[in-house]
């Protein structure tokens, strides 16, 4: 890692009428790593004196001191009485103005808020005002050549048999299952309870959970690859035992990488009979007949095909663009951004027509491999975002509306509710990144030499894994609240904190 340092002097420039005059400040910027800047800012005494003088000029006509009419107290008495409050206001004003000059001065591209405690900073009674902070920034790099890439676009035409298979899987999501006395087999729906223990000591349990019995059972912090083999043949009331290894990235440090015992109690075995679906059932789903349902299934498949096609092209493009991107990423940045990467992937799958099971499984895979996946995603994002800035690509209100409508359609909710949820959970920033990155990929693809390549692997095979959203070893300490929230102005399409 190469350390570099930079220093510069900000000079007060002529400003437009009504704008505040720039401060005459100095600052020094050190680069402890490619994505972190340590900044020391100095506001000279003359700026402090000028700010204090103006503040007391504004205060004196309103100052109320015993023995004097309002606004008539001697200036020295006003300054003595109100100095602590005025000094605090001046400190905040100088701090915010100087901070804005440094962060918007073109010295770096910030990707987070400055890290410092404003209450711990004091305005000195004598001498210059100096403070320091660290800030995460986008790494500096030359934009890789993105024009004229050679790409292979996977394509596929659906057969009637593929439509029928996906129709069967679609009905499985909605059709009611009937309890049976038979032994469990792959494809059945089960109600089960889990007990998790280590060295004979129980540390967690999940009661009365509904699952689809498949060979693999996925948790956010573990995967049981032989779950189906262990449970097939079990009947109501019976128990089965399996083992799970907790992910090295589990939030619970005590169990990271450790093998634990999992006891599975079968509460009920249920089975679908898709050969006995009535017209009334189709009507409950919102379809008048089978042909209309098949049309819906085809549209859903085509959206998923487009997603997989775009993911394949994206992987080819980002592999080429990031082949020399070896800049270091701070662990705090990776840890914080891992949640956003999961949000981005989930939103992308939601708008592409994937069901909850598939999204939950993808989310679990991301959580179990968060660090490696996030590092890769961040490097891709920095490069794609830089290209977007050079091309002046920024989402507009119409693009936001389209994304929200697609998500709402898949989740069977209203666009208004989806928007409210995204804004409340701070996911509008993830949506913005998703739109920008997809648009950059489109531009790069249009400038590339693209060859179509028939690929039947674009069609997902029957799922062999079922995902649960509950962790085996939940975190035992409180998760600190996020320091900052991003929100998006969907009229301008830009973050409100810019």
Protein backbone atom coordinates (compact mmCIF):
# COMPACT_ATOMS: atom_id res chain seq x y z
CA UNK A 1 0.00 0.00 0.00
CA UNK A 2 1.41 3.36 -1.03
CA UNK A 3 0.75 6.32 1.23
CA UNK A 4 0.38 9.73 -0.33
CA UNK A 5 -0.28 13.18 1.07
CA UNK A 6 -1.68 16.33 -0.43
CA UNK A 7 -2.07 19.85 0.92
CA UNK A 8 -3.75 22.88 -0.56
CA UNK A 9 -4.88 26.38 0.28
CA UNK A 10 -8.46 27.47 -0.35
CA UNK A 11 -8.62 31.05 -1.62
CA UNK A 12 -11.70 33.21 -1.21
CA UNK A 13 -13.19 33.73 -4.66
CA UNK A 14 -15.71 36.24 -5.92
CA UNK A 15 -19.15 34.79 -5.32
CA UNK A 16 -22.48 35.43 -6.96
CA UNK A 17 -24.78 38.03 -5.42
CA UNK A 18 -26.41 36.72 -2.25
CA UNK A 19 -23.95 33.84 -1.81
CA UNK A 20 -21.71 33.66 1.27
CA UNK A 21 -18.03 34.39 0.78
CA UNK A 22 -15.73 31.37 0.85
CA UNK A 23 -13.58 30.93 3.94
CA UNK A 24 -9.82 31.32 3.72
CA UNK A 25 -8.91 27.89 5.07
CA UNK A 26 -6.06 25.47 4.71
CA UNK A 27 -6.28 21.71 4.75
CA UNK A 28 -4.06 18.67 4.50
CA UNK A 29 -5.25 15.36 3.07
CA UNK A 30 -3.47 12.07 3.80
CA UNK A 31 -4.33 8.77 2.09
CA UNK A 32 -3.89 5.89 4.55
CA UNK A 33 -5.54 3.62 1.98
CA UNK A 34 -7.09 3.86 -1.47
CA UNK A 35 -10.62 4.38 -0.12
CA UNK A 36 -9.91 6.42 3.01
CA UNK A 37 -8.78 10.04 3.42
CA UNK A 38 -7.63 11.62 6.67
CA UNK A 39 -8.22 15.37 6.54
CA UNK A 40 -6.93 18.13 8.82
CA UNK A 41 -8.66 21.49 8.36
CA UNK A 42 -7.44 24.81 9.76
CA UNK A 43 -9.60 27.93 9.96
CA UNK A 44 -7.35 30.96 10.64
CA UNK A 45 -8.01 33.30 13.57
CA UNK A 46 -9.06 36.15 11.29
CA UNK A 47 -12.03 34.09 10.04
CA UNK A 48 -13.07 33.24 13.61
CA UNK A 49 -12.83 36.88 14.68
CA UNK A 50 -14.87 38.01 11.69
CA UNK A 51 -17.56 35.36 12.34
CA UNK A 52 -17.79 36.22 16.06
CA UNK A 53 -17.99 39.93 15.32
CA UNK A 54 -20.84 39.42 12.87
CA UNK A 55 -22.66 37.07 15.27
CA UNK A 56 -22.56 39.62 18.08
CA UNK A 57 -23.62 42.38 15.69
CA UNK A 58 -26.69 40.29 14.90
CA UNK A 59 -27.33 39.45 18.55
CA UNK A 60 -26.86 42.84 20.25
CA UNK A 61 -30.15 44.47 19.02
CA UNK A 62 -32.02 41.51 20.54
CA UNK A 63 -29.96 41.00 23.70
CA UNK A 64 -31.92 41.18 26.95
CA UNK A 65 -29.76 41.83 30.02
CA UNK A 66 -30.99 42.87 33.51
CA UNK A 67 -30.83 46.66 34.04
CA UNK A 68 -30.82 47.52 30.35
CA UNK A 69 -33.49 47.96 27.74
CA UNK A 70 -33.48 45.27 25.04
CA UNK A 71 -30.73 46.05 22.57
CA UNK A 72 -29.12 48.76 24.71
CA UNK A 73 -26.66 46.75 26.80
CA UNK A 74 -22.94 47.54 26.24
CA UNK A 75 -21.33 45.26 23.67
CA UNK A 76 -18.69 43.96 26.12
CA UNK A 77 -21.39 42.86 28.55
CA UNK A 78 -23.31 41.14 25.74
CA UNK A 79 -20.15 39.33 24.63
CA UNK A 80 -19.37 38.21 28.19
CA UNK A 81 -22.93 37.00 28.85
CA UNK A 82 -23.57 35.19 25.62
CA UNK A 83 -20.10 34.10 24.52
CA UNK A 84 -20.57 30.35 25.15
CA UNK A 85 -23.77 30.17 23.08
CA UNK A 86 -22.42 32.40 20.28
CA UNK A 87 -19.10 30.56 20.17
CA UNK A 88 -20.93 27.24 19.78
CA UNK A 89 -23.04 28.63 16.94
CA UNK A 90 -19.95 30.09 15.23
CA UNK A 91 -18.11 26.81 15.66
CA UNK A 92 -20.92 24.90 13.97
CA UNK A 93 -21.17 27.44 11.16
CA UNK A 94 -17.41 27.48 10.47
CA UNK A 95 -17.27 23.71 10.74
CA UNK A 96 -20.06 23.10 8.23
CA UNK A 97 -18.88 25.76 5.77
CA UNK A 98 -15.24 24.66 5.82
CA UNK A 99 -16.24 21.01 5.63
CA UNK A 100 -18.37 21.73 2.57
CA UNK A 101 -15.51 23.60 0.89
CA UNK A 102 -13.13 20.67 1.40
CA UNK A 103 -15.51 17.85 0.44
CA UNK A 104 -16.83 19.69 -2.62
CA UNK A 105 -13.46 21.02 -3.69
CA UNK A 106 -12.70 18.22 -6.12
CA UNK A 107 -9.93 16.71 -3.99
CA UNK A 108 -11.79 13.39 -3.65
CA UNK A 109 -15.19 11.81 -4.30
CA UNK A 110 -16.80 11.03 -0.95
CA UNK A 111 -18.96 7.93 -0.56
CA UNK A 112 -19.82 8.40 3.12
CA UNK A 113 -20.30 11.11 5.71
CA UNK A 114 -17.21 12.43 7.55
CA UNK A 115 -16.39 10.47 10.70
CA UNK A 116 -16.05 12.86 13.63
CA UNK A 117 -17.98 13.90 16.76
CA UNK A 118 -19.10 17.51 16.46
CA UNK A 119 -19.66 17.84 20.22
CA UNK A 120 -16.03 16.93 20.91
CA UNK A 121 -14.74 19.80 18.74
CA UNK A 122 -14.26 23.14 20.51
CA UNK A 123 -13.69 26.64 19.19
CA UNK A 124 -10.45 27.98 20.75
CA UNK A 125 -10.44 31.36 22.50
CA UNK A 126 -7.07 32.15 20.91
CA UNK A 127 -5.32 30.97 17.78
CA UNK A 128 -6.57 29.05 14.78
CA UNK A 129 -9.45 26.58 14.74
CA UNK A 130 -8.21 23.11 13.71
CA UNK A 131 -10.18 19.89 13.44
CA UNK A 132 -9.73 16.55 11.67
CA UNK A 133 -11.83 13.74 10.28
CA UNK A 134 -11.67 10.59 8.20
CA UNK A 135 -13.91 9.94 5.24
CA UNK A 136 -14.45 7.05 2.83
CA UNK A 137 -13.90 7.97 -0.80
CA UNK A 138 -14.13 6.39 -4.18
CA UNK A 139 -10.68 5.09 -5.15
CA UNK A 140 -8.81 6.94 -7.86
CA UNK A 141 -8.18 4.99 -11.04
CA UNK A 142 -8.09 5.46 -14.79
CA UNK A 143 -11.33 4.58 -16.51
CA UNK A 144 -10.77 1.24 -18.29
CA UNK A 145 -11.48 1.02 -21.99
CA UNK A 146 -15.10 -0.14 -22.28
CA UNK A 147 -15.70 0.34 -25.98
CA UNK A 148 -15.51 -2.47 -28.52
CA UNK A 149 -15.55 -5.40 -26.11
CA UNK A 150 -16.23 -8.86 -27.54
CA UNK A 151 -19.25 -10.38 -25.82
CA UNK A 152 -21.32 -13.53 -26.12
CA UNK A 153 -25.01 -13.06 -25.46
CA UNK A 154 -26.75 -16.24 -24.30
CA UNK A 155 -30.16 -16.70 -25.93
CA UNK A 156 -32.88 -19.32 -25.71
CA UNK A 157 -36.31 -19.98 -27.18
CA UNK A 158 -38.82 -21.61 -24.85
CA UNK A 159 -40.35 -24.94 -25.79
CA UNK A 160 -43.86 -26.01 -24.80
CA UNK A 161 -42.36 -28.61 -22.47
CA UNK A 162 -40.37 -25.92 -20.63
CA UNK A 163 -43.49 -23.79 -20.30
CA UNK A 164 -45.37 -26.75 -18.82
CA UNK A 165 -42.58 -27.51 -16.34
CA UNK A 166 -42.51 -23.91 -15.16
CA UNK A 167 -46.30 -23.91 -14.99
CA UNK A 168 -46.08 -26.87 -12.61
CA UNK A 169 -43.58 -24.99 -10.42
CA UNK A 170 -45.76 -21.88 -10.47
CA UNK A 171 -48.80 -23.84 -9.29
CA UNK A 172 -46.72 -25.37 -6.50
CA UNK A 173 -46.34 -21.87 -5.06
CA UNK A 174 -50.09 -21.35 -4.80
CA UNK A 175 -51.85 -24.73 -4.68
CA UNK A 176 -52.99 -25.98 -1.26
CA UNK A 177 -51.37 -29.15 0.04
CA UNK A 178 -53.25 -31.95 1.81
CA UNK A 179 -51.96 -33.67 4.93
CA UNK A 180 -51.02 -37.32 4.38
CA UNK A 181 -50.04 -40.22 6.62
CA UNK A 182 -47.31 -41.34 4.21
CA UNK A 183 -43.59 -41.10 4.80
CA UNK A 184 -42.05 -37.84 3.60
CA UNK A 185 -40.55 -37.69 0.12
CA UNK A 186 -38.79 -35.01 -1.93
CA UNK A 187 -41.32 -32.39 -3.04
CA UNK A 188 -43.59 -32.73 -0.01
CA UNK A 189 -44.45 -29.81 2.22
CA UNK A 190 -43.52 -30.31 5.86
CA UNK A 191 -44.26 -28.61 9.15
CA UNK A 192 -41.20 -29.14 11.30
CA UNK A 193 -39.52 -27.88 14.46
CA UNK A 194 -35.74 -27.48 14.77
CA UNK A 195 -33.56 -27.75 17.87
CA UNK A 196 -29.94 -26.60 17.56
CA UNK A 197 -27.29 -27.70 20.02
CA UNK A 198 -23.54 -27.79 20.50
CA UNK A 199 -21.83 -30.40 22.68
CA UNK A 200 -25.23 -31.43 24.04
CA UNK A 201 -26.25 -27.87 25.01
CA UNK A 202 -29.24 -26.33 23.22
CA UNK A 203 -28.64 -22.77 22.04
CA UNK A 204 -31.56 -22.10 19.66
CA UNK A 205 -34.78 -23.53 18.26
CA UNK A 206 -37.33 -22.84 15.52
CA UNK A 207 -40.85 -24.06 16.11
CA UNK A 208 -43.50 -25.09 13.55
CA UNK A 209 -41.73 -23.97 10.38
CA UNK A 210 -43.16 -24.77 6.94
CA UNK A 211 -40.64 -26.00 4.38
CA UNK A 212 -40.58 -27.70 1.01
CA UNK A 213 -38.59 -30.93 1.34
CA UNK A 214 -35.58 -30.72 -0.96
CA UNK A 215 -32.13 -32.22 -0.76
CA UNK A 216 -30.53 -29.02 0.57
CA UNK A 217 -31.85 -26.77 3.33
CA UNK A 218 -30.43 -23.25 3.29
CA UNK A 219 -30.10 -20.80 6.19
CA UNK A 220 -28.49 -17.34 6.10
CA UNK A 221 -25.60 -18.70 8.18
CA UNK A 222 -25.42 -22.37 7.14
CA UNK A 223 -26.38 -24.93 4.51
CA UNK A 224 -27.37 -28.54 5.17
CA UNK A 225 -26.57 -30.31 1.90
CA UNK A 226 -27.87 -33.75 2.95
CA UNK A 227 -31.10 -32.59 4.58
CA UNK A 228 -33.39 -34.39 2.10
CA UNK A 229 -31.57 -37.70 2.44
CA UNK A 230 -31.83 -37.49 6.22
CA UNK A 231 -35.55 -36.64 6.33
CA UNK A 232 -36.99 -38.70 3.44
CA UNK A 233 -38.94 -41.62 4.90
CA UNK A 234 -39.83 -39.87 8.14
CA UNK A 235 -43.47 -39.78 9.26
CA UNK A 236 -45.48 -37.44 11.43
CA UNK A 237 -44.12 -37.38 15.00
CA UNK A 238 -40.71 -38.81 14.10
CA UNK A 239 -37.35 -37.07 14.56
CA UNK A 240 -34.22 -36.95 12.41
CA UNK A 241 -30.73 -35.66 13.23
CA UNK A 242 -28.33 -33.84 10.90
CA UNK A 243 -25.30 -31.61 11.30
CA UNK A 244 -24.60 -28.09 10.06
CA UNK A 245 -21.44 -26.00 9.89
CA UNK A 246 -22.00 -22.35 10.76
CA UNK A 247 -20.66 -19.88 8.19
CA UNK A 248 -17.38 -18.13 8.90
CA UNK A 249 -19.25 -14.87 8.32
CA UNK A 250 -21.98 -15.55 10.87
CA UNK A 251 -22.98 -12.55 12.99
CA UNK A 252 -22.54 -14.80 16.05
CA UNK A 253 -18.77 -14.96 16.56
CA UNK A 254 -19.02 -17.80 19.11
CA UNK A 255 -20.26 -20.31 16.52
CA UNK A 256 -18.38 -19.19 13.40
CA UNK A 257 -17.03 -22.19 11.50
CA UNK A 258 -18.26 -24.66 14.11
CA UNK A 259 -20.27 -27.83 13.53
CA UNK A 260 -23.58 -27.99 15.39
CA UNK A 261 -26.25 -30.65 15.84
CA UNK A 262 -29.69 -30.15 14.30
CA UNK A 263 -32.68 -32.18 15.48
CA UNK A 264 -35.69 -32.12 13.13
CA UNK A 265 -39.13 -33.06 14.45
CA UNK A 266 -41.76 -33.87 11.79
CA UNK A 267 -45.08 -32.31 12.80
CA UNK A 268 -47.00 -32.85 9.55
CA UNK A 269 -46.43 -34.15 6.03
CA UNK A 270 -48.48 -32.56 3.22
CA UNK A 271 -48.58 -33.26 -0.49
CA UNK A 272 -49.80 -31.44 -3.60
CA UNK A 273 -52.05 -33.05 -6.19
CA UNK A 274 -51.70 -30.84 -9.24
CA UNK A 275 -53.80 -33.20 -11.35
CA UNK A 276 -56.91 -32.26 -9.40
CA UNK A 277 -56.98 -28.49 -9.86
CA UNK A 278 -60.44 -27.06 -10.44
CA UNK A 279 -61.51 -24.09 -12.52
CA UNK A 280 -62.47 -22.33 -9.29
CA UNK A 281 -58.89 -22.64 -8.07
CA UNK A 282 -57.59 -21.03 -11.27
CA UNK A 283 -60.14 -18.25 -10.78
CA UNK A 284 -58.86 -17.73 -7.25
CA UNK A 285 -55.43 -17.14 -8.76
CA UNK A 286 -56.93 -14.59 -11.16
CA UNK A 287 -57.01 -16.71 -14.34
CA UNK A 288 -60.09 -17.72 -16.28
CA UNK A 289 -58.53 -20.81 -17.86
CA UNK A 290 -55.28 -22.74 -18.40
CA UNK A 291 -54.26 -20.88 -21.62
CA UNK A 292 -54.35 -17.56 -19.76
CA UNK A 293 -52.25 -19.05 -16.98
CA UNK A 294 -49.73 -20.32 -19.55
CA UNK A 295 -49.47 -16.82 -21.02
CA UNK A 296 -48.66 -15.48 -17.56
CA UNK A 297 -46.05 -18.20 -17.06
CA UNK A 298 -44.42 -17.42 -20.42
CA UNK A 299 -44.15 -13.72 -19.54
CA UNK A 300 -42.65 -14.59 -16.15
CA UNK A 301 -40.13 -16.91 -17.80
CA UNK A 302 -39.16 -14.26 -20.34
CA UNK A 303 -38.49 -11.74 -17.56
CA UNK A 304 -36.32 -14.28 -15.73
CA UNK A 305 -34.55 -15.10 -18.99
CA UNK A 306 -33.82 -11.40 -19.52
CA UNK A 307 -32.41 -11.21 -15.98
CA UNK A 308 -30.10 -14.19 -16.50
CA UNK A 309 -29.09 -12.87 -19.91
CA UNK A 310 -28.24 -9.46 -18.45
CA UNK A 311 -26.37 -11.06 -15.54
CA UNK A 312 -24.26 -13.08 -17.97
CA UNK A 313 -23.41 -10.00 -20.05
CA UNK A 314 -22.72 -8.01 -16.89
CA UNK A 315 -20.34 -10.70 -15.61
CA UNK A 316 -18.42 -10.68 -18.90
CA UNK A 317 -18.21 -6.88 -18.92
CA UNK A 318 -17.22 -6.43 -15.28
CA UNK A 319 -14.65 -9.23 -15.49
CA UNK A 320 -12.94 -7.27 -18.26
CA UNK A 321 -13.28 -3.86 -16.60
CA UNK A 322 -12.08 -4.99 -13.15
CA UNK A 323 -9.19 -7.23 -14.20
CA UNK A 324 -6.71 -4.53 -13.09
CA UNK A 325 -8.84 -3.19 -10.21
CA UNK A 326 -6.80 -4.28 -7.21
CA UNK A 327 -7.44 -1.26 -4.99
CA UNK A 328 -7.82 -2.05 -1.29
CA UNK A 329 -11.23 -1.73 0.37
CA UNK A 330 -11.64 -0.94 4.11
CA UNK A 331 -13.26 -3.73 6.13
CA UNK A 332 -15.81 -1.31 7.63
CA UNK A 333 -16.89 -0.25 4.14
CA UNK A 334 -17.21 -3.87 3.00
CA UNK A 335 -19.21 -4.83 6.08
CA UNK A 336 -21.59 -1.88 5.75
CA UNK A 337 -22.05 -2.26 2.01
CA UNK A 338 -22.77 -6.00 2.22
CA UNK A 339 -26.34 -5.18 3.28
CA UNK A 340 -26.75 -2.85 0.32
CA UNK A 341 -25.48 -5.47 -2.08
CA UNK A 342 -28.09 -7.91 -0.79
CA UNK A 343 -30.74 -5.20 -1.20
CA UNK A 344 -29.61 -4.50 -4.77
CA UNK A 345 -29.70 -8.17 -5.74
CA UNK A 346 -33.11 -8.67 -4.13
CA UNK A 347 -34.59 -5.65 -5.93
CA UNK A 348 -33.14 -6.86 -9.24
CA UNK A 349 -34.69 -10.31 -8.78
CA UNK A 350 -38.03 -8.87 -7.65
CA UNK A 351 -38.41 -6.74 -10.76
CA UNK A 352 -37.38 -9.74 -12.90
CA UNK A 353 -40.26 -11.95 -11.76
CA UNK A 354 -38.57 -14.35 -9.35
CA UNK A 355 -40.59 -15.84 -6.50
CA UNK A 356 -39.91 -15.46 -2.80
CA UNK A 357 -38.24 -18.89 -2.52
CA UNK A 358 -35.65 -18.11 -5.21
CA UNK A 359 -34.97 -14.64 -3.77
CA UNK A 360 -34.59 -16.03 -0.25
CA UNK A 361 -32.14 -18.67 -1.47
CA UNK A 362 -30.05 -16.07 -3.37
CA UNK A 363 -30.08 -13.83 -0.30
CA UNK A 364 -28.83 -16.67 1.92
CA UNK A 365 -25.96 -17.42 -0.48
CA UNK A 366 -25.00 -13.74 -0.40
CA UNK A 367 -25.07 -13.64 3.40
CA UNK A 368 -22.90 -16.75 3.75
CA UNK A 369 -20.32 -15.30 1.34
CA UNK A 370 -20.83 -11.62 2.09
CA UNK A 371 -17.23 -10.42 2.19
CA UNK A 372 -15.98 -11.88 -1.09
CA UNK A 373 -19.18 -11.02 -2.96
CA UNK A 374 -19.27 -7.46 -1.61
CA UNK A 375 -15.63 -6.76 -2.47
CA UNK A 376 -16.29 -7.88 -6.03
CA UNK A 377 -19.52 -5.86 -6.21
CA UNK A 378 -17.90 -2.70 -4.84
CA UNK A 379 -15.09 -2.80 -7.37
CA UNK A 380 -17.63 -3.27 -10.13
CA UNK A 381 -19.79 -0.45 -8.79
CA UNK A 382 -16.94 2.07 -8.52
CA UNK A 383 -15.97 1.48 -12.14
CA UNK A 384 -19.53 1.46 -13.50
CA UNK A 385 -20.38 4.58 -11.51
CA UNK A 386 -17.33 6.43 -12.86
CA UNK A 387 -18.36 5.54 -16.42
CA UNK A 388 -21.89 6.72 -15.59
CA UNK A 389 -20.55 10.08 -14.41
CA UNK A 390 -18.48 10.50 -17.56
CA UNK A 391 -21.55 9.65 -19.66
CA UNK A 392 -23.75 11.86 -17.42
CA UNK A 393 -26.10 8.96 -16.68
CA UNK A 394 -28.49 9.70 -13.82
CA UNK A 395 -31.88 8.03 -13.17
CA UNK A 396 -34.98 10.10 -13.81
CA UNK A 397 -38.40 9.94 -12.17
CA UNK A 398 -39.82 7.79 -14.98
CA UNK A 399 -37.15 5.13 -14.47
CA UNK A 400 -37.86 5.00 -10.75
CA UNK A 401 -41.57 4.61 -11.43
CA UNK A 402 -40.96 1.75 -13.86
CA UNK A 403 -38.79 -0.13 -11.39
CA UNK A 404 -41.26 0.34 -8.58
CA UNK A 405 -44.16 -0.83 -10.77
CA UNK A 406 -42.29 -4.03 -11.73
CA UNK A 407 -41.50 -4.78 -8.08
CA UNK A 408 -45.11 -4.06 -7.10
CA UNK A 409 -46.41 -6.38 -9.83
CA UNK A 410 -44.26 -9.26 -8.64
CA UNK A 411 -45.05 -8.73 -4.96
CA UNK A 412 -48.76 -8.27 -5.62
CA UNK A 413 -48.68 -4.89 -3.90
CA UNK A 414 -49.40 -1.34 -4.97
CA UNK A 415 -46.63 0.95 -6.32
CA UNK A 416 -47.46 3.40 -3.55
CA UNK A 417 -46.85 0.77 -0.85
CA UNK A 418 -43.65 -0.42 -2.51
CA UNK A 419 -42.32 3.15 -2.73
CA UNK A 420 -43.16 3.79 0.92
CA UNK A 421 -41.39 0.59 1.98
CA UNK A 422 -38.27 1.39 -0.06
CA UNK A 423 -38.09 4.91 1.32
CA UNK A 424 -38.70 3.79 4.90
CA UNK A 425 -35.99 1.11 4.75
CA UNK A 426 -33.48 3.33 2.94
CA UNK A 427 -33.42 1.15 -0.19
CA UNK A 428 -33.99 3.94 -2.72
CA UNK A 429 -30.21 4.31 -2.89
CA UNK A 430 -29.89 0.62 -3.81
CA UNK A 431 -32.57 1.15 -6.46
CA UNK A 432 -30.65 4.13 -7.84
CA UNK A 433 -27.43 2.09 -8.11
CA UNK A 434 -29.34 -0.71 -9.80
CA UNK A 435 -30.76 1.61 -12.47
CA UNK A 436 -27.41 3.32 -13.10
CA UNK A 437 -25.45 0.07 -13.39
CA UNK A 438 -28.01 -1.50 -15.71
CA UNK A 439 -27.96 1.58 -17.95
CA UNK A 440 -24.13 1.57 -18.12
CA UNK A 441 -24.16 -2.14 -19.00
CA UNK A 442 -26.66 -1.36 -21.78
CA UNK A 443 -24.42 1.39 -23.22
CA UNK A 444 -21.33 -0.85 -23.06
CA UNK A 445 -23.22 -3.72 -24.71
CA UNK A 446 -24.36 -1.44 -27.55
CA UNK A 447 -20.75 -0.38 -28.13
CA UNK A 448 -19.51 -4.00 -28.06
CA UNK A 449 -19.21 -6.73 -30.66
CA UNK A 450 -21.95 -9.13 -29.55
CA UNK A 451 -22.45 -12.70 -30.75
CA UNK A 452 -25.61 -14.62 -29.83
CA UNK A 453 -25.01 -18.04 -28.34
CA UNK A 454 -27.80 -20.58 -27.73
CA UNK A 455 -27.67 -21.67 -24.10
CA UNK A 456 -30.33 -23.86 -22.51
CA UNK A 457 -28.67 -23.36 -19.10
CA UNK A 458 -30.38 -19.99 -18.94
CA UNK A 459 -33.51 -21.86 -17.88
CA UNK A 460 -33.36 -22.73 -14.21
CA UNK A 461 -33.56 -26.39 -13.36
CA UNK A 462 -35.99 -27.68 -10.74
CA UNK A 463 -34.84 -26.26 -7.38
CA UNK A 464 -32.86 -28.63 -5.20
CA UNK A 465 -32.63 -26.28 -2.22
CA UNK A 466 -35.17 -24.67 0.08
CA UNK A 467 -34.26 -21.47 1.93
CA UNK A 468 -35.29 -20.22 5.36
CA UNK A 469 -34.74 -16.63 6.47
CA UNK A 470 -34.07 -17.54 10.14
CA UNK A 471 -30.47 -18.01 11.26
CA UNK A 472 -29.27 -21.06 13.18
CA UNK A 473 -26.97 -19.00 15.42
CA UNK A 474 -28.53 -15.53 15.76
CA UNK A 475 -26.48 -12.58 16.86
CA UNK A 476 -26.64 -12.05 20.61
CA UNK A 477 -25.56 -8.41 20.77
CA UNK A 478 -27.61 -5.44 19.63
CA UNK A 479 -26.89 -4.23 16.13
CA UNK A 480 -25.91 -0.53 16.15
CA UNK A 481 -28.14 1.76 14.18
CA UNK A 482 -26.83 3.12 10.91
CA UNK A 483 -25.21 6.53 11.33
CA UNK A 484 -26.58 7.92 8.14
CA UNK A 485 -29.52 7.23 5.85
CA UNK A 486 -29.63 7.89 2.15
CA UNK A 487 -32.78 9.04 0.47
CA UNK A 488 -33.50 9.89 -3.12
CA UNK A 489 -35.34 12.80 -4.66
CA UNK A 490 -37.25 10.97 -7.39
CA UNK A 491 -38.00 14.21 -9.19
CA UNK A 492 -34.33 14.89 -9.84
CA UNK A 493 -33.21 11.26 -9.43
CA UNK A 494 -30.35 12.27 -7.11
CA UNK A 495 -29.55 11.46 -3.47
CA UNK A 496 -30.81 14.17 -1.13
CA UNK A 497 -27.49 14.23 0.72
CA UNK A 498 -25.57 15.39 -2.32
